N, C-alpha and C. Protein backbone atom coordinates (compact mmCIF):
# COMPACT_ATOMS: atom_id res chain seq x y z
N MET A 1 1.00 -1.15 -0.20
CA MET A 1 0.05 -0.05 0.09
C MET A 1 1.13 1.32 -0.09
N VAL A 2 0.46 2.14 -0.81
CA VAL A 2 1.11 3.54 -1.24
C VAL A 2 0.34 4.37 -0.38
N THR A 3 1.48 4.73 0.66
CA THR A 3 0.73 6.54 1.28
C THR A 3 1.52 7.70 0.55
N ILE A 4 0.81 8.48 0.87
CA ILE A 4 1.16 10.07 0.84
C ILE A 4 0.98 11.59 2.11
N PHE A 5 1.74 11.90 2.72
CA PHE A 5 1.72 13.00 2.89
C PHE A 5 2.25 14.42 2.63
N VAL A 6 1.40 15.08 3.61
CA VAL A 6 1.98 16.19 2.70
C VAL A 6 2.50 17.31 3.83
N ASN A 7 2.97 17.47 4.03
CA ASN A 7 3.44 18.70 5.41
C ASN A 7 3.14 17.72 6.66
N GLY A 8 3.21 16.69 6.86
CA GLY A 8 2.68 15.80 8.02
C GLY A 8 0.90 15.61 8.05
N ASN A 9 0.12 15.38 6.49
CA ASN A 9 -0.89 15.17 7.11
C ASN A 9 -0.95 14.66 5.51
N GLN A 10 -1.92 13.45 5.71
CA GLN A 10 -2.01 12.05 4.61
C GLN A 10 -3.13 13.22 4.00
N ILE A 11 -2.93 12.46 2.42
CA ILE A 11 -3.87 13.24 1.56
C ILE A 11 -4.37 11.70 0.72
N ASP A 12 -5.35 12.45 -0.03
CA ASP A 12 -5.59 11.05 -0.51
C ASP A 12 -5.68 10.94 -2.45
N ALA A 13 -4.53 10.04 -2.56
CA ALA A 13 -3.64 9.98 -3.70
C ALA A 13 -4.01 8.63 -4.23
N GLN A 14 -4.55 8.60 -5.32
CA GLN A 14 -3.92 7.14 -5.65
C GLN A 14 -3.11 6.88 -7.17
N LEU A 15 -2.38 6.19 -7.13
CA LEU A 15 -1.33 5.65 -8.13
C LEU A 15 -1.96 4.93 -9.59
N GLU A 16 -1.25 6.03 -10.32
CA GLU A 16 -2.13 5.30 -11.86
C GLU A 16 -1.11 4.25 -12.66
N ASP A 17 -0.39 5.48 -13.27
CA ASP A 17 0.69 4.14 -14.61
C ASP A 17 1.99 4.82 -13.41
N GLU A 18 1.71 5.00 -12.69
CA GLU A 18 3.33 5.13 -12.03
C GLU A 18 4.20 4.09 -11.50
N LYS A 19 5.27 3.40 -12.25
CA LYS A 19 5.82 2.16 -11.90
C LYS A 19 7.34 2.60 -10.81
N THR A 20 7.95 3.56 -10.91
CA THR A 20 9.19 3.70 -10.20
C THR A 20 8.62 4.88 -9.03
N ILE A 21 9.86 5.08 -8.36
CA ILE A 21 9.72 6.19 -7.39
C ILE A 21 9.68 7.62 -8.14
N GLY A 22 10.41 7.79 -9.07
CA GLY A 22 10.65 8.70 -9.98
C GLY A 22 9.57 8.92 -10.48
N ASP A 23 8.54 8.11 -10.90
CA ASP A 23 7.53 8.73 -11.49
C ASP A 23 6.47 9.40 -10.88
N VAL A 24 6.60 8.95 -9.47
CA VAL A 24 5.62 9.28 -8.02
C VAL A 24 6.24 10.72 -7.89
N LEU A 25 7.19 10.94 -7.77
CA LEU A 25 8.05 12.49 -7.94
C LEU A 25 7.27 13.58 -8.58
N ASN A 26 7.77 12.88 -9.89
CA ASN A 26 7.30 13.55 -11.05
C ASN A 26 6.01 13.93 -11.33
N SER A 27 5.26 13.28 -11.00
CA SER A 27 3.77 13.35 -11.21
C SER A 27 3.56 14.51 -9.79
N PHE A 28 4.13 13.83 -8.53
CA PHE A 28 3.47 15.26 -7.53
C PHE A 28 4.12 16.54 -7.82
N GLU A 29 5.09 16.58 -8.30
CA GLU A 29 5.73 17.77 -8.58
C GLU A 29 5.28 18.75 -9.40
N GLN A 30 4.16 17.85 -10.65
CA GLN A 30 3.32 19.02 -11.73
C GLN A 30 2.49 19.38 -10.26
N THR A 31 2.14 17.76 -10.34
CA THR A 31 0.78 18.97 -9.10
C THR A 31 0.95 20.22 -8.00
N CYS A 32 1.93 20.24 -7.76
CA CYS A 32 2.64 21.16 -6.97
C CYS A 32 2.66 22.20 -7.90
N GLU A 33 3.44 22.63 -9.01
CA GLU A 33 3.10 23.35 -9.88
C GLU A 33 2.18 23.92 -10.37
N ALA A 34 1.38 23.07 -10.88
CA ALA A 34 0.11 23.39 -11.16
C ALA A 34 -0.77 24.37 -10.16
N ASN A 35 -0.15 24.10 -8.96
CA ASN A 35 -1.35 24.56 -7.70
C ASN A 35 -0.14 25.96 -6.71
N ASN A 36 0.88 26.26 -7.67
CA ASN A 36 1.48 27.32 -7.17
C ASN A 36 2.27 27.08 -5.78
N ALA A 37 2.92 25.40 -5.62
CA ALA A 37 3.65 24.83 -4.84
C ALA A 37 4.98 24.26 -5.16
N ALA A 38 5.82 24.01 -3.69
CA ALA A 38 7.39 23.98 -4.71
C ALA A 38 7.54 22.40 -3.07
N VAL A 39 8.33 21.41 -3.86
CA VAL A 39 8.50 20.88 -3.21
C VAL A 39 9.40 20.85 -2.06
N ILE A 40 10.07 20.70 -0.89
CA ILE A 40 11.25 21.30 -0.45
C ILE A 40 11.62 20.15 0.39
N GLY A 41 11.08 19.01 0.21
CA GLY A 41 12.49 17.83 1.46
C GLY A 41 11.10 16.74 0.71
N ILE A 42 11.98 15.79 0.48
CA ILE A 42 10.52 14.13 0.08
C ILE A 42 11.91 13.48 1.17
N CYS A 43 10.88 12.35 1.90
CA CYS A 43 11.11 11.67 2.66
C CYS A 43 10.45 10.07 2.17
N ILE A 44 11.70 9.10 2.22
CA ILE A 44 10.83 7.84 1.45
C ILE A 44 10.29 6.82 2.45
N ASN A 45 10.00 6.55 2.87
CA ASN A 45 9.74 5.43 4.20
C ASN A 45 10.86 5.72 4.92
N GLY A 46 10.95 6.75 6.07
CA GLY A 46 11.91 7.41 6.66
C GLY A 46 12.86 7.65 6.37
N LYS A 47 13.33 7.45 5.12
CA LYS A 47 14.79 7.86 4.31
C LYS A 47 14.55 9.00 3.94
N ASN A 48 15.61 10.16 4.23
CA ASN A 48 15.54 11.43 3.74
C ASN A 48 16.32 11.14 2.22
N ILE A 49 15.57 11.83 1.19
CA ILE A 49 16.07 11.62 -0.57
C ILE A 49 16.59 13.11 -0.68
N THR A 50 17.95 12.97 -0.50
CA THR A 50 18.94 14.39 -0.80
C THR A 50 19.21 14.36 -1.89
N ALA A 51 19.57 15.88 -2.30
CA ALA A 51 19.97 15.99 -4.00
C ALA A 51 21.30 14.76 -4.96
N GLU A 52 22.14 14.41 -3.64
CA GLU A 52 22.91 13.50 -4.08
C GLU A 52 22.71 12.09 -4.17
N ILE A 53 21.55 11.38 -4.01
CA ILE A 53 20.99 10.29 -4.04
C ILE A 53 19.01 10.41 -5.41
N PHE A 54 19.07 11.53 -4.81
CA PHE A 54 18.03 11.35 -5.90
C PHE A 54 17.77 10.71 -7.36
N ASP A 55 18.25 10.62 -8.25
CA ASP A 55 18.35 9.90 -9.39
C ASP A 55 18.15 8.27 -9.16
N GLU A 56 19.22 8.36 -8.21
CA GLU A 56 19.54 6.03 -7.93
C GLU A 56 18.16 6.04 -6.70
N GLU A 57 17.62 7.01 -6.16
CA GLU A 57 16.15 6.44 -5.45
C GLU A 57 15.33 6.89 -6.55
N SER A 58 15.27 7.46 -7.35
CA SER A 58 14.01 7.74 -8.56
C SER A 58 13.90 6.71 -9.06
N ALA A 59 15.48 5.83 -9.77
CA ALA A 59 14.65 4.86 -10.40
C ALA A 59 14.74 3.31 -10.47
N LYS A 60 14.10 3.24 -8.49
CA LYS A 60 13.57 2.49 -8.15
C LYS A 60 12.24 1.77 -8.47
N PRO A 61 11.72 0.62 -8.30
CA PRO A 61 10.38 0.34 -8.76
C PRO A 61 9.85 0.94 -7.28
N ILE A 62 8.41 0.93 -7.20
CA ILE A 62 7.68 1.20 -5.88
C ILE A 62 7.36 0.26 -5.26
N PRO A 63 7.88 0.04 -3.59
CA PRO A 63 8.03 -1.12 -3.04
C PRO A 63 6.32 -1.16 -2.70
N GLU A 64 5.88 -2.52 -2.35
CA GLU A 64 4.56 -2.55 -1.82
C GLU A 64 3.95 -1.34 -1.15
N GLU A 65 4.61 -1.62 0.31
CA GLU A 65 4.74 -0.89 1.45
C GLU A 65 5.70 -0.02 0.79
N CYS A 66 4.61 1.51 0.98
CA CYS A 66 5.56 2.54 1.04
C CYS A 66 4.89 3.51 0.97
N ARG A 67 5.66 4.73 2.11
CA ARG A 67 4.83 6.36 2.49
C ARG A 67 5.82 7.31 2.26
N PHE A 68 5.20 7.60 1.20
CA PHE A 68 5.61 9.22 0.60
C PHE A 68 5.51 10.40 1.68
N ASP A 69 6.64 11.18 1.58
CA ASP A 69 6.37 12.53 2.62
C ASP A 69 7.07 13.04 2.23
N PHE A 70 6.17 14.35 1.60
CA PHE A 70 6.86 15.27 1.18
C PHE A 70 6.53 16.41 2.24
N SER A 71 7.52 17.52 1.93
CA SER A 71 7.65 19.12 2.68
C SER A 71 7.37 19.80 1.60
N VAL A 72 6.10 20.76 1.70
CA VAL A 72 5.91 21.58 0.52
C VAL A 72 5.76 22.98 1.08
N VAL A 73 6.16 24.03 0.01
CA VAL A 73 5.69 25.61 0.23
C VAL A 73 4.96 26.06 -0.55
N THR A 74 4.06 26.74 0.00
CA THR A 74 2.99 27.70 -1.36
C THR A 74 3.37 29.10 -1.65
N GLU A 75 3.30 29.45 -2.75
CA GLU A 75 3.20 30.90 -2.94
C GLU A 75 2.73 31.88 -1.61
N GLN A 76 1.79 31.14 -1.37
CA GLN A 76 0.42 32.19 -0.43
C GLN A 76 1.12 32.25 0.31
N SER A 77 1.72 30.74 1.16
CA SER A 77 2.44 30.67 2.57
C SER A 77 3.57 31.89 2.65
N ILE A 78 4.18 31.66 1.24
CA ILE A 78 5.51 32.83 1.66
C ILE A 78 4.84 34.03 1.49
N LYS A 79 3.99 34.34 0.58
CA LYS A 79 3.39 35.73 1.05
C LYS A 79 3.10 36.22 2.39
N ASP A 80 2.52 35.22 2.65
CA ASP A 80 1.35 35.34 4.44
C ASP A 80 2.97 35.54 5.35
N SER A 81 4.09 34.63 4.79
CA SER A 81 5.13 34.69 5.84
C SER A 81 5.54 36.39 5.64
N PHE A 82 5.99 36.93 4.96
CA PHE A 82 6.26 38.01 4.49
C PHE A 82 5.60 39.33 5.10
N SER A 83 4.21 38.98 4.65
CA SER A 83 3.41 39.84 5.76
C SER A 83 3.44 39.75 7.21
N THR A 84 3.14 38.60 7.92
CA THR A 84 3.91 38.65 9.19
C THR A 84 5.36 39.57 9.36
N LEU A 85 6.27 39.09 8.86
CA LEU A 85 7.88 39.83 8.92
C LEU A 85 7.23 41.13 8.80
N SER A 86 6.20 41.56 7.61
CA SER A 86 6.61 43.45 7.43
C SER A 86 5.91 43.86 8.89
N THR A 87 5.06 43.52 9.41
CA THR A 87 4.49 43.75 10.88
C THR A 87 5.64 43.89 11.92
N LEU A 88 6.54 42.49 11.94
CA LEU A 88 7.39 42.23 12.36
C LEU A 88 8.80 43.65 12.73
N PHE A 89 9.13 43.43 11.08
CA PHE A 89 10.02 44.09 10.96
C PHE A 89 9.52 45.92 11.36
N ASP A 90 8.09 46.23 11.30
CA ASP A 90 7.91 47.91 11.77
C ASP A 90 8.05 48.06 13.52
N GLN A 91 7.56 46.75 14.13
CA GLN A 91 7.75 46.79 15.28
C GLN A 91 9.34 46.80 15.73
N LEU A 92 10.22 46.13 15.26
CA LEU A 92 11.32 45.78 15.78
C LEU A 92 12.01 47.59 15.10
N SER A 93 11.55 48.29 14.04
CA SER A 93 12.31 49.63 13.69
C SER A 93 12.03 50.99 15.06
N LYS A 94 10.73 50.11 15.22
CA LYS A 94 10.36 51.37 16.65
C LYS A 94 11.34 50.91 17.90
N LYS A 95 11.62 49.38 18.12
CA LYS A 95 12.21 48.87 19.36
C LYS A 95 14.13 49.50 18.83
N MET A 96 14.07 49.56 17.68
CA MET A 96 15.80 49.95 17.19
C MET A 96 16.21 51.51 17.74
N GLU A 97 14.71 52.02 17.63
CA GLU A 97 15.31 53.60 17.77
C GLU A 97 14.82 53.68 19.32
N GLU A 98 14.73 53.18 20.05
CA GLU A 98 14.26 53.49 21.87
C GLU A 98 15.65 52.89 22.38
N ILE A 99 16.37 52.07 21.35
CA ILE A 99 18.17 51.35 22.36
C ILE A 99 18.86 52.33 23.18
N PRO A 100 19.15 53.74 22.08
CA PRO A 100 19.93 54.54 22.52
C PRO A 100 19.35 55.30 23.94
N VAL A 101 18.30 55.45 23.97
CA VAL A 101 17.80 55.91 25.02
C VAL A 101 18.02 54.61 26.53
N GLU A 102 17.38 53.31 25.73
CA GLU A 102 17.42 52.36 26.78
C GLU A 102 19.06 52.15 27.38
N LEU A 103 20.29 51.89 26.68
CA LEU A 103 21.58 52.05 27.07
C LEU A 103 21.61 53.26 28.08
N GLN A 104 21.29 55.00 27.53
CA GLN A 104 21.78 55.66 28.15
C GLN A 104 21.17 55.33 29.57
N ASN A 105 19.84 54.36 30.37
CA ASN A 105 19.12 54.91 31.45
C ASN A 105 19.34 53.11 31.96
N GLY A 106 20.85 52.57 31.19
CA GLY A 106 20.90 51.47 32.01
C GLY A 106 20.04 50.18 32.04
N LYS A 107 18.49 50.63 31.06
CA LYS A 107 17.96 49.51 30.52
C LYS A 107 18.67 48.19 29.32
N ASN A 108 19.68 47.68 29.79
CA ASN A 108 20.53 46.86 28.83
C ASN A 108 19.90 45.89 28.65
N SER A 109 19.68 45.07 29.50
CA SER A 109 18.49 44.25 29.24
C SER A 109 17.10 43.88 28.26
N GLN A 110 16.36 45.15 28.46
CA GLN A 110 15.47 45.22 27.13
C GLN A 110 16.51 45.45 25.46
N ALA A 111 17.24 46.76 25.61
CA ALA A 111 18.12 46.58 24.70
C ALA A 111 18.70 45.12 23.80
N ILE A 112 18.93 44.32 24.84
CA ILE A 112 19.74 43.02 24.57
C ILE A 112 18.74 42.51 23.77
N GLU A 113 17.63 42.43 24.47
CA GLU A 113 16.39 41.58 23.84
C GLU A 113 15.56 41.77 22.29
N SER A 114 16.15 43.19 22.88
CA SER A 114 15.60 43.30 21.23
C SER A 114 16.33 43.37 19.89
N ILE A 115 18.09 43.20 20.66
CA ILE A 115 18.75 42.88 19.47
C ILE A 115 18.82 41.21 19.31
N LYS A 116 18.57 40.51 20.39
CA LYS A 116 18.44 39.08 19.95
C LYS A 116 17.02 39.12 18.76
N ASN A 117 15.68 39.74 19.36
CA ASN A 117 14.57 39.78 18.29
C ASN A 117 15.27 40.05 16.92
N LEU A 118 15.94 40.82 16.52
CA LEU A 118 16.11 41.93 15.44
C LEU A 118 17.53 40.24 14.70
N ALA A 119 17.96 39.32 15.56
CA ALA A 119 18.88 38.39 15.04
C ALA A 119 18.33 37.41 14.65
N ASP A 120 17.28 37.33 15.11
CA ASP A 120 16.17 36.00 15.09
C ASP A 120 15.41 36.32 13.81
N SER A 121 14.82 37.82 13.84
CA SER A 121 14.01 38.04 12.67
C SER A 121 15.07 37.97 11.66
N ILE A 122 15.91 38.44 11.53
CA ILE A 122 16.90 38.48 9.73
C ILE A 122 16.92 36.89 9.61
N ASP A 123 17.47 35.98 10.57
CA ASP A 123 17.40 35.02 10.18
C ASP A 123 16.36 33.88 9.42
N GLU A 124 15.26 34.39 9.44
CA GLU A 124 13.88 34.20 9.39
C GLU A 124 13.36 34.52 7.90
N PHE A 125 13.90 35.82 8.17
CA PHE A 125 13.41 36.69 6.90
C PHE A 125 14.34 35.64 5.63
N CYS A 126 15.94 35.65 6.46
CA CYS A 126 16.68 34.78 4.60
C CYS A 126 16.13 33.28 4.56
N HIS A 127 15.45 32.98 5.56
CA HIS A 127 15.07 31.28 5.12
C HIS A 127 14.23 32.07 4.38
N ILE A 128 12.89 32.18 4.42
CA ILE A 128 11.90 32.56 3.99
C ILE A 128 12.13 33.18 2.19
N ALA A 129 13.10 33.98 2.37
CA ALA A 129 13.70 34.83 0.91
C ALA A 129 14.33 33.89 -0.03
N ALA A 130 14.89 32.88 0.52
CA ALA A 130 15.82 31.85 0.24
C ALA A 130 13.98 30.59 -0.66
N LEU A 131 13.16 30.19 0.22
CA LEU A 131 11.96 29.78 -0.20
C LEU A 131 11.40 30.43 -1.27
N ALA A 132 11.36 31.99 -1.07
CA ALA A 132 10.80 32.80 -2.39
C ALA A 132 11.64 32.55 -3.58
N SER A 133 12.71 32.15 -3.85
CA SER A 133 13.32 32.04 -4.79
C SER A 133 13.23 30.80 -5.68
N LEU A 134 12.49 29.68 -5.36
CA LEU A 134 11.54 29.10 -5.68
C LEU A 134 10.36 29.20 -6.93
N PHE A 135 9.64 30.38 -6.26
CA PHE A 135 9.23 31.13 -7.93
C PHE A 135 9.46 32.55 -7.87
N PRO A 136 10.11 32.52 -8.39
CA PRO A 136 10.34 33.51 -9.57
C PRO A 136 9.93 34.42 -10.13
N GLU A 137 9.26 33.97 -10.82
CA GLU A 137 7.57 34.82 -11.70
C GLU A 137 7.09 35.79 -10.48
N THR A 138 7.20 35.35 -9.24
CA THR A 138 6.22 36.47 -8.47
C THR A 138 7.14 37.26 -7.51
N PHE A 139 8.66 36.58 -7.45
CA PHE A 139 9.21 37.31 -6.46
C PHE A 139 10.48 37.67 -6.80
N THR A 140 11.02 37.42 -8.03
CA THR A 140 12.10 38.33 -8.50
C THR A 140 11.85 39.29 -8.11
N ASN A 141 11.31 40.06 -9.20
CA ASN A 141 11.85 41.70 -9.10
C ASN A 141 11.31 42.16 -7.75
N THR A 142 11.10 41.86 -6.57
CA THR A 142 11.12 42.88 -5.03
C THR A 142 12.36 42.84 -4.89
N SER A 143 11.74 44.67 -4.53
CA SER A 143 13.66 45.15 -4.25
C SER A 143 12.68 46.19 -2.81
N ILE A 144 14.36 46.06 -2.35
CA ILE A 144 14.55 47.16 -1.20
C ILE A 144 15.06 48.47 -1.10
N ASP A 145 14.49 49.49 -1.32
CA ASP A 145 15.74 50.61 -1.45
C ASP A 145 15.90 50.59 -2.93
N GLY A 146 15.33 49.85 -3.84
CA GLY A 146 15.76 49.83 -5.19
C GLY A 146 17.23 49.16 -5.42
N LYS A 147 17.34 48.33 -4.12
CA LYS A 147 18.47 46.66 -4.58
C LYS A 147 17.33 45.60 -4.59
N ASN A 148 17.95 44.60 -5.66
CA ASN A 148 17.49 42.86 -5.00
C ASN A 148 18.08 42.24 -3.31
N PHE A 149 16.93 41.53 -2.98
CA PHE A 149 17.73 41.06 -1.65
C PHE A 149 18.68 41.23 -1.85
N LYS A 150 19.85 40.52 -2.30
CA LYS A 150 21.23 40.18 -2.35
C LYS A 150 21.93 41.54 -2.07
N GLU A 151 21.76 42.41 -3.06
CA GLU A 151 22.65 43.46 -2.54
C GLU A 151 22.25 44.32 -1.79
N PHE A 152 20.79 44.14 -0.88
CA PHE A 152 20.18 44.94 0.32
C PHE A 152 20.76 44.16 1.35
N PHE A 153 21.09 42.50 1.46
CA PHE A 153 21.81 42.23 2.04
C PHE A 153 23.23 42.33 2.37
N ALA A 154 23.75 42.69 0.97
CA ALA A 154 25.32 42.51 1.34
C ALA A 154 25.98 43.97 1.93
N ASP A 155 24.87 44.94 1.84
CA ASP A 155 25.25 45.98 2.80
C ASP A 155 25.10 45.94 4.06
N PHE A 156 23.61 45.56 4.09
CA PHE A 156 23.41 45.11 5.50
C PHE A 156 23.80 44.46 6.32
N SER A 157 24.67 43.39 5.71
CA SER A 157 25.09 43.07 6.99
C SER A 157 26.71 43.47 7.07
N GLN A 158 27.33 44.42 6.77
CA GLN A 158 28.02 44.88 6.37
C GLN A 158 28.04 45.52 8.11
N ILE A 159 26.76 46.27 8.52
CA ILE A 159 26.16 47.02 9.55
C ILE A 159 26.47 46.04 10.36
N LEU A 160 25.72 45.05 10.40
CA LEU A 160 25.01 44.32 11.24
C LEU A 160 26.43 43.35 12.08
N LEU A 161 27.39 43.49 11.21
CA LEU A 161 29.33 42.92 11.56
C LEU A 161 29.57 44.31 12.67
N ASP A 162 29.50 45.30 11.84
CA ASP A 162 29.87 46.56 12.95
C ASP A 162 29.15 46.39 14.39
N TYR A 163 27.75 46.62 14.18
CA TYR A 163 26.49 46.13 15.19
C TYR A 163 27.42 44.97 16.12
N GLU A 164 27.74 44.03 15.60
CA GLU A 164 28.20 42.72 16.38
C GLU A 164 29.73 42.97 17.16
N GLN A 165 30.38 44.08 16.90
CA GLN A 165 31.47 44.08 16.98
C GLN A 165 31.27 45.18 18.52
N ALA A 166 29.97 46.42 17.83
CA ALA A 166 29.99 47.30 19.35
C ALA A 166 29.69 47.06 20.02
N LEU A 167 29.09 45.56 19.98
CA LEU A 167 27.99 44.73 21.28
C LEU A 167 29.27 43.96 22.10
N GLN A 168 30.10 43.43 21.56
CA GLN A 168 31.14 42.94 21.80
C GLN A 168 32.26 43.51 22.58
N ASN A 169 32.43 45.04 22.29
CA ASN A 169 33.00 46.14 23.12
C ASN A 169 32.73 46.77 23.99
N ASN A 170 31.31 46.19 23.86
CA ASN A 170 30.49 47.04 25.25
C ASN A 170 30.19 48.55 24.52
N ASP A 171 30.27 49.14 23.48
CA ASP A 171 30.39 50.28 22.88
C ASP A 171 28.73 50.82 22.79
N THR A 172 28.22 51.44 23.71
CA THR A 172 26.78 51.56 23.85
C THR A 172 26.73 53.04 22.59
N VAL A 173 27.43 54.06 22.97
CA VAL A 173 27.37 54.70 21.61
C VAL A 173 27.57 54.57 20.50
N LEU A 174 28.24 53.70 20.16
CA LEU A 174 28.28 53.13 18.78
C LEU A 174 26.93 52.15 18.46
N LEU A 175 26.71 51.09 19.21
CA LEU A 175 25.24 50.90 18.97
C LEU A 175 24.21 51.84 19.44
N GLY A 176 23.97 52.51 19.65
CA GLY A 176 23.29 53.36 20.02
C GLY A 176 22.83 54.35 18.63
N ASP A 177 24.14 54.65 18.27
CA ASP A 177 23.92 55.47 16.63
C ASP A 177 23.80 54.84 15.47
N LEU A 178 24.35 52.92 16.02
CA LEU A 178 23.86 52.31 14.70
C LEU A 178 21.98 51.82 14.94
N SER A 179 21.52 51.63 15.88
CA SER A 179 20.54 51.21 16.11
C SER A 179 19.39 52.20 15.59
N GLU A 180 20.02 53.74 15.70
CA GLU A 180 19.12 54.50 15.44
C GLU A 180 19.00 54.88 14.33
N TYR A 181 20.19 55.25 13.58
CA TYR A 181 20.27 55.75 12.20
C TYR A 181 20.69 54.99 11.27
N GLU A 182 21.52 53.13 11.36
CA GLU A 182 21.86 52.40 10.49
C GLU A 182 20.63 51.33 10.20
N ILE A 183 20.29 50.84 11.54
CA ILE A 183 19.53 49.35 11.24
C ILE A 183 18.00 49.75 11.07
N CYS A 184 17.59 50.65 12.23
CA CYS A 184 16.38 51.61 12.26
C CYS A 184 15.83 52.00 10.54
N PRO A 185 16.54 52.45 9.80
CA PRO A 185 15.72 52.97 8.47
C PRO A 185 15.53 51.56 7.43
N ARG A 186 16.97 51.12 7.56
CA ARG A 186 16.70 49.81 7.01
C ARG A 186 15.51 49.28 7.13
N LEU A 187 14.98 48.61 8.42
CA LEU A 187 13.90 48.11 8.93
C LEU A 187 13.08 48.63 8.20
N VAL A 188 12.52 50.02 8.32
CA VAL A 188 11.14 50.33 7.36
C VAL A 188 11.13 49.98 6.01
N SER A 189 12.41 50.40 5.65
CA SER A 189 12.33 49.67 4.08
C SER A 189 12.18 48.25 4.08
N ILE A 190 12.53 47.40 4.88
CA ILE A 190 12.66 46.29 4.26
C ILE A 190 10.61 46.08 4.66
N SER A 191 10.13 46.43 5.16
CA SER A 191 8.41 46.00 6.04
C SER A 191 7.95 46.94 4.74
N GLN A 192 8.15 47.79 4.65
CA GLN A 192 7.48 48.54 3.21
C GLN A 192 7.60 47.34 2.30
N ALA A 193 8.87 47.30 1.51
CA ALA A 193 8.69 46.11 0.75
C ALA A 193 7.84 45.28 0.74
N LEU A 194 8.04 44.37 1.89
CA LEU A 194 6.93 43.21 1.87
C LEU A 194 5.78 43.52 2.25
N LYS A 195 5.27 44.89 2.71
CA LYS A 195 4.05 45.03 2.53
C LYS A 195 4.04 45.32 1.08
N ALA A 196 4.29 45.87 0.40
CA ALA A 196 3.98 46.25 -1.23
C ALA A 196 3.66 44.59 -1.76
N MET A 197 3.85 43.46 -1.43
CA MET A 197 4.14 42.34 -2.31
C MET A 197 2.81 41.87 -2.12
């Protein structure tokens, strides 16, 4: 018996003329493309199918007992994630503006919390942006301050490195300046770009 799970939920799907694992994978991928979705992970009977073993596994006949687990991302789920991140970056930009005052008033733990949230949010953004590249027709033309994601983050990452250095050196003046004048406006730009999607 062949069972197919998508993002942990079993779906009602019947095999037709599929003979090999590759036939099932191709058929499923076509269904995804038709529904603005993309496969980001494949697991067959508990074994992760990586790019290195994909061709070898695809050639195998379908075992009698076979469970396919697909991890799938949809264009809509990426848009929803970007929308959530837009709100988050908007809130973070306000927090960044408050950091100089927090540092002056000895509220270092609040400032550190905001900085940690910033790092987590940028990580999440980069992850979602990587998934967005699976839908080039929809997301390729997205720009932030007239730059594509890559160019924007090439500039931004240098500022974040300076920021990290200021943190390590406990340079509260530089931390405050970078928060307010460099990071805050960029977060506003990211938020606006994501909102416009």
